[in-house]
PDB file of N, CA and C in Angstrom:
ATOM      1  N   UNK A   1    -177.023-108.631  -3.483  1.00  0.00           N
ATOM      2  CA  UNK A   1    -175.709-108.011  -3.607  1.00  0.00           C
ATOM      3  C   UNK A   1    -174.676-108.674  -2.703  1.00  0.00           C
ATOM      4  N   UNK A   2    -175.147-109.478  -1.767  1.00  0.00           N
ATOM      5  CA  UNK A   2    -174.250-110.079  -0.789  1.00  0.00           C
ATOM      6  C   UNK A   2    -173.210-110.997  -1.439  1.00  0.00           C
ATOM      7  N   UNK A   3    -173.600-111.757  -2.433  1.00  0.00           N
ATOM      8  CA  UNK A   3    -172.692-112.727  -3.048  1.00  0.00           C
ATOM      9  C   UNK A   3    -172.205-112.297  -4.430  1.00  0.00           C
ATOM     10  N   UNK A   4    -172.362-111.036  -4.763  1.00  0.00           N
ATOM     11  CA  UNK A   4    -171.929-110.547  -6.067  1.00  0.00           C
ATOM     12  C   UNK A   4    -170.423-110.718  -6.262  1.00  0.00           C
ATOM     13  N   UNK A   5    -169.654-110.378  -5.263  1.00  0.00           N
ATOM     14  CA  UNK A   5    -168.188-110.462  -5.381  1.00  0.00           C
ATOM     15  C   UNK A   5    -167.737-111.900  -5.613  1.00  0.00           C
ATOM     16  N   UNK A   6    -168.318-112.845  -4.895  1.00  0.00           N
ATOM     17  CA  UNK A   6    -167.883-114.236  -5.051  1.00  0.00           C
ATOM     18  C   UNK A   6    -168.375-114.799  -6.378  1.00  0.00           C
ATOM     19  N   UNK A   7    -169.529-114.343  -6.860  1.00  0.00           N
ATOM     20  CA  UNK A   7    -170.015-114.785  -8.165  1.00  0.00           C
ATOM     21  C   UNK A   7    -169.117-114.275  -9.291  1.00  0.00           C
ATOM     22  N   UNK A   8    -168.653-113.055  -9.170  1.00  0.00           N
ATOM     23  CA  UNK A   8    -167.753-112.511 -10.182  1.00  0.00           C
ATOM     24  C   UNK A   8    -166.376-113.172 -10.125  1.00  0.00           C
ATOM     25  N   UNK A   9    -166.007-113.649  -8.957  1.00  0.00           N
ATOM     26  CA  UNK A   9    -164.710-114.293  -8.777  1.00  0.00           C
ATOM     27  C   UNK A   9    -164.774-115.793  -9.080  1.00  0.00           C
ATOM     28  N   UNK A  10    -165.954-116.362  -9.166  1.00  0.00           N
ATOM     29  CA  UNK A  10    -166.129-117.811  -9.332  1.00  0.00           C
ATOM     30  C   UNK A  10    -165.387-118.405 -10.529  1.00  0.00           C
ATOM     31  N   UNK A  11    -165.397-117.781 -11.708  1.00  0.00           N
ATOM     32  CA  UNK A  11    -164.653-118.401 -12.820  1.00  0.00           C
ATOM     33  C   UNK A  11    -163.163-118.583 -12.514  1.00  0.00           C
ATOM     34  N   UNK A  12    -162.563-117.613 -11.893  1.00  0.00           N
ATOM     35  CA  UNK A  12    -161.143-117.730 -11.564  1.00  0.00           C
ATOM     36  C   UNK A  12    -160.927-118.787 -10.484  1.00  0.00           C
ATOM     37  N   UNK A  13    -161.823-118.865  -9.519  1.00  0.00           N
ATOM     38  CA  UNK A  13    -161.699-119.892  -8.484  1.00  0.00           C
ATOM     39  C   UNK A  13    -161.885-121.288  -9.076  1.00  0.00           C
ATOM     40  N   UNK A  14    -162.749-121.414 -10.070  1.00  0.00           N
ATOM     41  CA  UNK A  14    -162.911-122.705 -10.756  1.00  0.00           C
ATOM     42  C   UNK A  14    -161.642-123.099 -11.510  1.00  0.00           C
ATOM     43  N   UNK A  15    -160.982-122.136 -12.123  1.00  0.00           N
ATOM     44  CA  UNK A  15    -159.720-122.424 -12.810  1.00  0.00           C
ATOM     45  C   UNK A  15    -158.652-122.866 -11.803  1.00  0.00           C
ATOM     46  N   UNK A  16    -158.594-122.205 -10.654  1.00  0.00           N
ATOM     47  CA  UNK A  16    -157.639-122.620  -9.618  1.00  0.00           C
ATOM     48  C   UNK A  16    -157.959-124.025  -9.114  1.00  0.00           C
ATOM     49  N   UNK A  17    -159.239-124.333  -8.956  1.00  0.00           N
ATOM     50  CA  UNK A  17    -159.643-125.670  -8.528  1.00  0.00           C
ATOM     51  C   UNK A  17    -159.274-126.725  -9.557  1.00  0.00           C
ATOM     52  N   UNK A  18    -159.480-126.417 -10.834  1.00  0.00           N
ATOM     53  CA  UNK A  18    -159.092-127.350 -11.896  1.00  0.00           C
ATOM     54  C   UNK A  18    -157.579-127.583 -11.886  1.00  0.00           C
ATOM     55  N   UNK A  19    -156.806-126.514 -11.718  1.00  0.00           N
ATOM     56  CA  UNK A  19    -155.344-126.654 -11.689  1.00  0.00           C
ATOM     57  C   UNK A  19    -154.911-127.498 -10.491  1.00  0.00           C
ATOM     58  N   UNK A  20    -155.561-127.298  -9.355  1.00  0.00           N
ATOM     59  CA  UNK A  20    -155.239-128.105  -8.176  1.00  0.00           C
ATOM     60  C   UNK A  20    -155.553-129.576  -8.445  1.00  0.00           C
ATOM     61  N   UNK A  21    -156.675-129.848  -9.079  1.00  0.00           N
ATOM     62  CA  UNK A  21    -157.094-131.217  -9.358  1.00  0.00           C
ATOM     63  C   UNK A  21    -156.173-131.901 -10.381  1.00  0.00           C
ATOM     64  N   UNK A  22    -155.707-131.147 -11.356  1.00  0.00           N
ATOM     65  CA  UNK A  22    -154.974-131.737 -12.478  1.00  0.00           C
ATOM     66  C   UNK A  22    -153.476-131.882 -12.251  1.00  0.00           C
ATOM     67  N   UNK A  23    -152.881-131.037 -11.467  1.00  0.00           N
ATOM     68  CA  UNK A  23    -151.426-131.027 -11.335  1.00  0.00           C
ATOM     69  C   UNK A  23    -151.022-131.256  -9.897  1.00  0.00           C
ATOM     70  N   UNK A  24    -149.834-131.760  -9.624  1.00  0.00           N
ATOM     71  CA  UNK A  24    -148.821-132.250 -10.541  1.00  0.00           C
ATOM     72  C   UNK A  24    -149.156-133.660 -11.019  1.00  0.00           C
ATOM     73  N   UNK A  25    -148.704-133.964 -12.165  1.00  0.00           N
ATOM     74  CA  UNK A  25    -149.023-135.248 -12.775  1.00  0.00           C
ATOM     75  C   UNK A  25    -148.106-136.381 -12.312  1.00  0.00           C
ATOM     76  N   UNK A  26    -147.027-136.050 -11.610  1.00  0.00           N
ATOM     77  CA  UNK A  26    -146.089-137.094 -11.191  1.00  0.00           C
ATOM     78  C   UNK A  26    -146.497-137.766  -9.874  1.00  0.00           C
ATOM     79  N   UNK A  27    -147.511-137.261  -9.196  1.00  0.00           N
ATOM     80  CA  UNK A  27    -147.964-137.895  -7.958  1.00  0.00           C
ATOM     81  C   UNK A  27    -148.923-139.031  -8.288  1.00  0.00           C
ATOM     82  N   UNK A  28    -148.872-140.104  -7.514  1.00  0.00           N
ATOM     83  CA  UNK A  28    -149.796-141.213  -7.778  1.00  0.00           C
ATOM     84  C   UNK A  28    -151.247-140.787  -7.541  1.00  0.00           C
ATOM     85  N   UNK A  29    -152.145-141.265  -8.401  1.00  0.00           N
ATOM     86  CA  UNK A  29    -153.564-140.902  -8.293  1.00  0.00           C
ATOM     87  C   UNK A  29    -154.339-142.057  -7.677  1.00  0.00           C
ATOM     88  N   UNK A  30    -154.210-142.174  -6.388  1.00  0.00           N
ATOM     89  CA  UNK A  30    -154.909-143.232  -5.675  1.00  0.00           C
ATOM     90  C   UNK A  30    -156.290-142.742  -5.254  1.00  0.00           C
ATOM     91  N   UNK A  31    -157.102-143.675  -4.792  1.00  0.00           N
ATOM     92  CA  UNK A  31    -158.443-143.312  -4.323  1.00  0.00           C
ATOM     93  C   UNK A  31    -158.358-142.377  -3.116  1.00  0.00           C
ATOM     94  N   UNK A  32    -157.428-142.639  -2.223  1.00  0.00           N
ATOM     95  CA  UNK A  32    -157.268-141.799  -1.038  1.00  0.00           C
ATOM     96  C   UNK A  32    -156.858-140.379  -1.426  1.00  0.00           C
ATOM     97  N   UNK A  33    -155.986-140.264  -2.417  1.00  0.00           N
ATOM     98  CA  UNK A  33    -155.591-138.924  -2.871  1.00  0.00           C
ATOM     99  C   UNK A  33    -156.781-138.192  -3.477  1.00  0.00           C
ATOM    100  N   UNK A  34    -157.620-138.867  -4.232  1.00  0.00           N
ATOM    101  CA  UNK A  34    -158.801-138.223  -4.813  1.00  0.00           C
ATOM    102  C   UNK A  34    -159.764-137.759  -3.728  1.00  0.00           C
ATOM    103  N   UNK A  35    -159.929-138.574  -2.681  1.00  0.00           N
ATOM    104  CA  UNK A  35    -160.775-138.145  -1.560  1.00  0.00           C
ATOM    105  C   UNK A  35    -160.192-136.901  -0.894  1.00  0.00           C
ATOM    106  N   UNK A  36    -158.872-136.896  -0.736  1.00  0.00           N
ATOM    107  CA  UNK A  36    -158.203-135.728  -0.161  1.00  0.00           C
ATOM    108  C   UNK A  36    -158.413-134.503  -1.042  1.00  0.00           C
ATOM    109  N   UNK A  37    -158.268-134.653  -2.358  1.00  0.00           N
ATOM    110  CA  UNK A  37    -158.446-133.535  -3.288  1.00  0.00           C
ATOM    111  C   UNK A  37    -159.871-132.985  -3.237  1.00  0.00           C
ATOM    112  N   UNK A  38    -160.852-133.878  -3.207  1.00  0.00           N
ATOM    113  CA  UNK A  38    -162.251-133.430  -3.134  1.00  0.00           C
ATOM    114  C   UNK A  38    -162.495-132.682  -1.827  1.00  0.00           C
ATOM    115  N   UNK A  39    -161.978-133.227  -0.725  1.00  0.00           N
ATOM    116  CA  UNK A  39    -162.145-132.564   0.567  1.00  0.00           C
ATOM    117  C   UNK A  39    -161.480-131.187   0.572  1.00  0.00           C
ATOM    118  N   UNK A  40    -160.296-131.093  -0.017  1.00  0.00           N
ATOM    119  CA  UNK A  40    -159.593-129.803  -0.064  1.00  0.00           C
ATOM    120  C   UNK A  40    -160.356-128.797  -0.918  1.00  0.00           C
ATOM    121  N   UNK A  41    -160.895-129.234  -2.045  1.00  0.00           N
ATOM    122  CA  UNK A  41    -161.654-128.324  -2.907  1.00  0.00           C
ATOM    123  C   UNK A  41    -162.949-127.868  -2.233  1.00  0.00           C
ATOM    124  N   UNK A  42    -163.625-128.769  -1.552  1.00  0.00           N
ATOM    125  CA  UNK A  42    -164.845-128.381  -0.827  1.00  0.00           C
ATOM    126  C   UNK A  42    -164.523-127.422   0.309  1.00  0.00           C
ATOM    127  N   UNK A  43    -163.433-127.684   1.019  1.00  0.00           N
ATOM    128  CA  UNK A  43    -163.022-126.793   2.102  1.00  0.00           C
ATOM    129  C   UNK A  43    -162.630-125.418   1.557  1.00  0.00           C
ATOM    130  N   UNK A  44    -161.949-125.387   0.424  1.00  0.00           N
ATOM    131  CA  UNK A  44    -161.564-124.111  -0.185  1.00  0.00           C
ATOM    132  C   UNK A  44    -162.803-123.316  -0.615  1.00  0.00           C
ATOM    133  N   UNK A  45    -163.786-123.996  -1.197  1.00  0.00           N
ATOM    134  CA  UNK A  45    -165.018-123.314  -1.608  1.00  0.00           C
ATOM    135  C   UNK A  45    -165.775-122.790  -0.392  1.00  0.00           C
ATOM    136  N   UNK A  46    -165.879-123.610   0.648  1.00  0.00           N
ATOM    137  CA  UNK A  46    -166.560-123.182   1.866  1.00  0.00           C
ATOM    138  C   UNK A  46    -165.848-121.989   2.503  1.00  0.00           C
ATOM    139  N   UNK A  47    -164.523-122.051   2.576  1.00  0.00           N
ATOM    140  CA  UNK A  47    -163.746-120.954   3.170  1.00  0.00           C
ATOM    141  C   UNK A  47    -163.910-119.671   2.363  1.00  0.00           C
ATOM    142  N   UNK A  48    -163.937-119.782   1.047  1.00  0.00           N
ATOM    143  CA  UNK A  48    -164.092-118.596   0.205  1.00  0.00           C
ATOM    144  C   UNK A  48    -165.445-117.940   0.434  1.00  0.00           C
ATOM    145  N   UNK A  49    -166.498-118.730   0.476  1.00  0.00           N
ATOM    146  CA  UNK A  49    -167.842-118.169   0.670  1.00  0.00           C
ATOM    147  C   UNK A  49    -167.994-117.581   2.069  1.00  0.00           C
ATOM    148  N   UNK A  50    -167.508-118.280   3.074  1.00  0.00           N
ATOM    149  CA  UNK A  50    -167.628-117.784   4.444  1.00  0.00           C
ATOM    150  C   UNK A  50    -166.821-116.501   4.660  1.00  0.00           C
ATOM    151  N   UNK A  51    -165.604-116.466   4.140  1.00  0.00           N
ATOM    152  CA  UNK A  51    -164.786-115.253   4.298  1.00  0.00           C
ATOM    153  C   UNK A  51    -165.366-114.090   3.511  1.00  0.00           C
ATOM    154  N   UNK A  52    -165.924-114.362   2.341  1.00  0.00           N
ATOM    155  CA  UNK A  52    -166.565-113.296   1.567  1.00  0.00           C
ATOM    156  C   UNK A  52    -167.784-112.763   2.302  1.00  0.00           C
ATOM    157  N   UNK A  53    -168.560-113.641   2.911  1.00  0.00           N
ATOM    158  CA  UNK A  53    -169.734-113.202   3.671  1.00  0.00           C
ATOM    159  C   UNK A  53    -169.324-112.370   4.882  1.00  0.00           C
ATOM    160  N   UNK A  54    -168.280-112.817   5.563  1.00  0.00           N
ATOM    161  CA  UNK A  54    -167.789-112.066   6.714  1.00  0.00           C
ATOM    162  C   UNK A  54    -167.272-110.694   6.292  1.00  0.00           C
ATOM    163  N   UNK A  55    -166.564-110.645   5.185  1.00  0.00           N
ATOM    164  CA  UNK A  55    -166.032-109.361   4.704  1.00  0.00           C
ATOM    165  C   UNK A  55    -167.159-108.423   4.288  1.00  0.00           C
ATOM    166  N   UNK A  56    -168.208-108.965   3.696  1.00  0.00           N
ATOM    167  CA  UNK A  56    -169.343-108.125   3.312  1.00  0.00           C
ATOM    168  C   UNK A  56    -169.981-107.504   4.547  1.00  0.00           C
ATOM    169  N   UNK A  57    -170.070-108.280   5.620  1.00  0.00           N
ATOM    170  CA  UNK A  57    -170.669-107.768   6.859  1.00  0.00           C
ATOM    171  C   UNK A  57    -169.785-106.739   7.545  1.00  0.00           C
ATOM    172  N   UNK A  58    -168.467-106.866   7.409  1.00  0.00           N
ATOM    173  CA  UNK A  58    -167.567-105.947   8.116  1.00  0.00           C
ATOM    174  C   UNK A  58    -167.253-104.680   7.320  1.00  0.00           C
ATOM    175  N   UNK A  59    -167.503-104.696   6.009  1.00  0.00           N
ATOM    176  CA  UNK A  59    -167.227-103.502   5.200  1.00  0.00           C
ATOM    177  C   UNK A  59    -168.232-102.413   5.562  1.00  0.00           C
ATOM    178  N   UNK A  60    -167.722-101.249   5.800  1.00  0.00           N
ATOM    179  CA  UNK A  60    -168.604-100.145   6.172  1.00  0.00           C
ATOM    180  C   UNK A  60    -169.051 -99.388   4.923  1.00  0.00           C
ATOM    181  N   UNK A  61    -170.305 -99.042   4.912  1.00  0.00           N
ATOM    182  CA  UNK A  61    -170.858 -98.265   3.810  1.00  0.00           C
ATOM    183  C   UNK A  61    -170.861 -96.806   4.250  1.00  0.00           C
ATOM    184  N   UNK A  62    -170.255 -95.915   3.464  1.00  0.00           N
ATOM    185  CA  UNK A  62    -170.212 -94.511   3.864  1.00  0.00           C
ATOM    186  C   UNK A  62    -171.606 -93.892   3.824  1.00  0.00           C
ATOM    187  N   UNK A  63    -171.786 -92.903   4.646  1.00  0.00           N
ATOM    188  CA  UNK A  63    -173.073 -92.213   4.685  1.00  0.00           C
ATOM    189  C   UNK A  63    -173.224 -91.318   3.461  1.00  0.00           C
ATOM    190  N   UNK A  64    -174.435 -91.052   3.120  1.00  0.00           N
ATOM    191  CA  UNK A  64    -174.722 -90.179   1.984  1.00  0.00           C
ATOM    192  C   UNK A  64    -174.558 -88.739   2.440  1.00  0.00           C
ATOM    193  N   UNK A  65    -173.702 -88.034   1.726  1.00  0.00           N
ATOM    194  CA  UNK A  65    -173.457 -86.639   2.069  1.00  0.00           C
ATOM    195  C   UNK A  65    -174.337 -85.702   1.260  1.00  0.00           C
ATOM    196  N   UNK A  66    -173.968 -84.454   1.258  1.00  0.00           N
ATOM    197  CA  UNK A  66    -174.729 -83.430   0.544  1.00  0.00           C
ATOM    198  C   UNK A  66    -174.736 -83.688  -0.965  1.00  0.00           C
ATOM    199  N   UNK A  67    -173.654 -84.275  -1.496  1.00  0.00           N
ATOM    200  CA  UNK A  67    -173.534 -84.501  -2.936  1.00  0.00           C
ATOM    201  C   UNK A  67    -173.684 -85.980  -3.315  1.00  0.00           C
ATOM    202  N   UNK A  68    -174.313 -86.765  -2.476  1.00  0.00           N
ATOM    203  CA  UNK A  68    -174.515 -88.179  -2.756  1.00  0.00           C
ATOM    204  C   UNK A  68    -173.494 -89.029  -2.028  1.00  0.00           C
ATOM    205  N   UNK A  69    -173.552 -90.344  -2.261  1.00  0.00           N
ATOM    206  CA  UNK A  69    -172.611 -91.221  -1.566  1.00  0.00           C
ATOM    207  C   UNK A  69    -171.188 -91.036  -2.091  1.00  0.00           C
ATOM    208  N   UNK A  70    -170.241 -91.199  -1.218  1.00  0.00           N
ATOM    209  CA  UNK A  70    -168.849 -91.102  -1.650  1.00  0.00           C
ATOM    210  C   UNK A  70    -168.441 -92.400  -2.343  1.00  0.00           C
ATOM    211  N   UNK A  71    -167.283 -92.407  -2.937  1.00  0.00           N
ATOM    212  CA  UNK A  71    -166.856 -93.562  -3.729  1.00  0.00           C
ATOM    213  C   UNK A  71    -166.420 -94.748  -2.877  1.00  0.00           C
ATOM    214  N   UNK A  72    -166.469 -94.633  -1.586  1.00  0.00           N
ATOM    215  CA  UNK A  72    -166.040 -95.720  -0.716  1.00  0.00           C
ATOM    216  C   UNK A  72    -166.974 -96.913  -0.691  1.00  0.00           C
ATOM    217  N   UNK A  73    -168.155 -96.802  -1.282  1.00  0.00           N
ATOM    218  CA  UNK A  73    -169.115 -97.910  -1.255  1.00  0.00           C
ATOM    219  C   UNK A  73    -168.630 -99.101  -2.069  1.00  0.00           C
ATOM    220  N   UNK A  74    -167.687 -98.903  -2.975  1.00  0.00           N
ATOM    221  CA  UNK A  74    -167.174-100.005  -3.779  1.00  0.00           C
ATOM    222  C   UNK A  74    -166.467-101.035  -2.908  1.00  0.00           C
ATOM    223  N   UNK A  75    -165.973-100.616  -1.758  1.00  0.00           N
ATOM    224  CA  UNK A  75    -165.256-101.540  -0.882  1.00  0.00           C
ATOM    225  C   UNK A  75    -166.167-102.619  -0.312  1.00  0.00           C
ATOM    226  N   UNK A  76    -167.460-102.413  -0.352  1.00  0.00           N
ATOM    227  CA  UNK A  76    -168.374-103.451   0.115  1.00  0.00           C
ATOM    228  C   UNK A  76    -168.399-104.640  -0.849  1.00  0.00           C
ATOM    229  N   UNK A  77    -167.916-104.464  -2.068  1.00  0.00           N
ATOM    230  CA  UNK A  77    -167.775-105.570  -3.004  1.00  0.00           C
ATOM    231  C   UNK A  77    -166.316-106.002  -3.177  1.00  0.00           C
ATOM    232  N   UNK A  78    -165.392-105.070  -3.062  1.00  0.00           N
ATOM    233  CA  UNK A  78    -163.975-105.398  -3.238  1.00  0.00           C
ATOM    234  C   UNK A  78    -163.460-106.218  -2.063  1.00  0.00           C
ATOM    235  N   UNK A  79    -163.807-105.836  -0.858  1.00  0.00           N
ATOM    236  CA  UNK A  79    -163.322-106.536   0.330  1.00  0.00           C
ATOM    237  C   UNK A  79    -163.755-108.008   0.359  1.00  0.00           C
ATOM    238  N   UNK A  80    -165.029-108.333   0.054  1.00  0.00           N
ATOM    239  CA  UNK A  80    -165.390-109.758   0.008  1.00  0.00           C
ATOM    240  C   UNK A  80    -164.638-110.533  -1.074  1.00  0.00           C
ATOM    241  N   UNK A  81    -164.377-109.919  -2.209  1.00  0.00           N
ATOM    242  CA  UNK A  81    -163.619-110.601  -3.260  1.00  0.00           C
ATOM    243  C   UNK A  81    -162.197-110.896  -2.785  1.00  0.00           C
ATOM    244  N   UNK A  82    -161.575-109.948  -2.118  1.00  0.00           N
ATOM    245  CA  UNK A  82    -160.218-110.158  -1.604  1.00  0.00           C
ATOM    246  C   UNK A  82    -160.174-111.238  -0.533  1.00  0.00           C
ATOM    247  N   UNK A  83    -161.116-111.185   0.392  1.00  0.00           N
ATOM    248  CA  UNK A  83    -161.161-112.185   1.463  1.00  0.00           C
ATOM    249  C   UNK A  83    -161.453-113.573   0.896  1.00  0.00           C
ATOM    250  N   UNK A  84    -162.412-113.659  -0.012  1.00  0.00           N
ATOM    251  CA  UNK A  84    -162.769-114.948  -0.592  1.00  0.00           C
ATOM    252  C   UNK A  84    -161.631-115.553  -1.383  1.00  0.00           C
ATOM    253  N   UNK A  85    -160.979-114.739  -2.199  1.00  0.00           N
ATOM    254  CA  UNK A  85    -159.833-115.213  -2.987  1.00  0.00           C
ATOM    255  C   UNK A  85    -158.703-115.654  -2.068  1.00  0.00           C
ATOM    256  N   UNK A  86    -158.414-114.842  -1.069  1.00  0.00           N
ATOM    257  CA  UNK A  86    -157.333-115.172  -0.135  1.00  0.00           C
ATOM    258  C   UNK A  86    -157.597-116.465   0.610  1.00  0.00           C
ATOM    259  N   UNK A  87    -158.819-116.672   1.064  1.00  0.00           N
ATOM    260  CA  UNK A  87    -159.152-117.895   1.798  1.00  0.00           C
ATOM    261  C   UNK A  87    -159.024-119.117   0.903  1.00  0.00           C
ATOM    262  N   UNK A  88    -159.503-119.009  -0.318  1.00  0.00           N
ATOM    263  CA  UNK A  88    -159.425-120.126  -1.253  1.00  0.00           C
ATOM    264  C   UNK A  88    -157.963-120.478  -1.552  1.00  0.00           C
ATOM    265  N   UNK A  89    -157.160-119.490  -1.809  1.00  0.00           N
ATOM    266  CA  UNK A  89    -155.749-119.730  -2.139  1.00  0.00           C
ATOM    267  C   UNK A  89    -154.993-120.305  -0.942  1.00  0.00           C
ATOM    268  N   UNK A  90    -155.265-119.817   0.250  1.00  0.00           N
ATOM    269  CA  UNK A  90    -154.577-120.344   1.439  1.00  0.00           C
ATOM    270  C   UNK A  90    -154.891-121.819   1.626  1.00  0.00           C
ATOM    271  N   UNK A  91    -156.158-122.190   1.501  1.00  0.00           N
ATOM    272  CA  UNK A  91    -156.536-123.599   1.672  1.00  0.00           C
ATOM    273  C   UNK A  91    -155.890-124.462   0.587  1.00  0.00           C
ATOM    274  N   UNK A  92    -155.904-123.996  -0.658  1.00  0.00           N
ATOM    275  CA  UNK A  92    -155.322-124.795  -1.739  1.00  0.00           C
ATOM    276  C   UNK A  92    -153.806-124.921  -1.613  1.00  0.00           C
ATOM    277  N   UNK A  93    -153.127-123.871  -1.187  1.00  0.00           N
ATOM    278  CA  UNK A  93    -151.671-123.946  -1.006  1.00  0.00           C
ATOM    279  C   UNK A  93    -151.320-124.912   0.125  1.00  0.00           C
ATOM    280  N   UNK A  94    -152.051-124.839   1.234  1.00  0.00           N
ATOM    281  CA  UNK A  94    -151.795-125.785   2.322  1.00  0.00           C
ATOM    282  C   UNK A  94    -152.069-127.218   1.876  1.00  0.00           C
ATOM    283  N   UNK A  95    -153.132-127.414   1.096  1.00  0.00           N
ATOM    284  CA  UNK A  95    -153.444-128.753   0.589  1.00  0.00           C
ATOM    285  C   UNK A  95    -152.359-129.234  -0.380  1.00  0.00           C
ATOM    286  N   UNK A  96    -151.822-128.325  -1.194  1.00  0.00           N
ATOM    287  CA  UNK A  96    -150.727-128.709  -2.091  1.00  0.00           C
ATOM    288  C   UNK A  96    -149.503-129.174  -1.316  1.00  0.00           C
ATOM    289  N   UNK A  97    -149.180-128.470  -0.254  1.00  0.00           N
ATOM    290  CA  UNK A  97    -148.019-128.838   0.562  1.00  0.00           C
ATOM    291  C   UNK A  97    -148.240-130.193   1.213  1.00  0.00           C
ATOM    292  N   UNK A  98    -149.413-130.388   1.813  1.00  0.00           N
ATOM    293  CA  UNK A  98    -149.712-131.670   2.455  1.00  0.00           C
ATOM    294  C   UNK A  98    -149.710-132.794   1.422  1.00  0.00           C
ATOM    295  N   UNK A  99    -150.331-132.551   0.278  1.00  0.00           N
ATOM    296  CA  UNK A  99    -150.400-133.572  -0.771  1.00  0.00           C
ATOM    297  C   UNK A  99    -149.001-133.945  -1.251  1.00  0.00           C
ATOM    298  N   UNK A 100    -148.123-132.967  -1.403  1.00  0.00           N
ATOM    299  CA  UNK A 100    -146.757-133.243  -1.854  1.00  0.00           C
ATOM    300  C   UNK A 100    -145.991-134.046  -0.806  1.00  0.00           C
ATOM    301  N   UNK A 101    -146.185-133.715   0.463  1.00  0.00           N
ATOM    302  CA  UNK A 101    -145.476-134.434   1.527  1.00  0.00           C
ATOM    303  C   UNK A 101    -145.967-135.871   1.671  1.00  0.00           C
ATOM    304  N   UNK A 102    -147.251-136.088   1.486  1.00  0.00           N
ATOM    305  CA  UNK A 102    -147.813-137.421   1.703  1.00  0.00           C
ATOM    306  C   UNK A 102    -147.643-138.320   0.487  1.00  0.00           C
ATOM    307  N   UNK A 103    -147.878-137.801  -0.717  1.00  0.00           N
ATOM    308  CA  UNK A 103    -147.919-138.649  -1.904  1.00  0.00           C
ATOM    309  C   UNK A 103    -146.727-138.498  -2.858  1.00  0.00           C
ATOM    310  N   UNK A 104    -145.674-137.829  -2.435  1.00  0.00           N
ATOM    311  CA  UNK A 104    -144.536-137.690  -3.350  1.00  0.00           C
ATOM    312  C   UNK A 104    -143.863-139.045  -3.555  1.00  0.00           C
ATOM    313  N   UNK A 105    -143.319-139.251  -4.743  1.00  0.00           N
ATOM    314  CA  UNK A 105    -142.599-140.505  -4.995  1.00  0.00           C
ATOM    315  C   UNK A 105    -141.310-140.538  -4.154  1.00  0.00           C
ATOM    316  N   UNK A 106    -141.078-141.646  -3.543  1.00  0.00           N
ATOM    317  CA  UNK A 106    -139.878-141.790  -2.714  1.00  0.00           C
ATOM    318  C   UNK A 106    -138.714-142.252  -3.573  1.00  0.00           C
ATOM    319  N   UNK A 107    -137.537-141.679  -3.313  1.00  0.00           N
ATOM    320  CA  UNK A 107    -136.322-142.080  -4.043  1.00  0.00           C
ATOM    321  C   UNK A 107    -135.887-143.451  -3.560  1.00  0.00           C
ATOM    322  N   UNK A 108    -135.535-144.273  -4.484  1.00  0.00           N
ATOM    323  CA  UNK A 108    -135.135-145.648  -4.118  1.00  0.00           C
ATOM    324  C   UNK A 108    -133.648-145.803  -4.250  1.00  0.00           C
TER     325      UNK A 108
END
């Protein structure tokens, strides 16, 4: 159950990774840029998994009361999904900014 949230979120994270890899098309596609893109995607995946794992550990599971567990147990899956998604998006946005600053076409 530890990685359920990130597994359910994986298709969307793959789509974000594909979009990062494919766009923008006006930047030069040099070997160095591809290495940067691969490094950014690996860092985003690592950050998503690590933040999801940390969120799973920090989410508190409510105690079972007289009528069974309360509905708060869902947060043990929601919180890792939020943390994992947020970490992935932050890394990709920072990589987009750096990539645009480094590889943008210069006006002549």
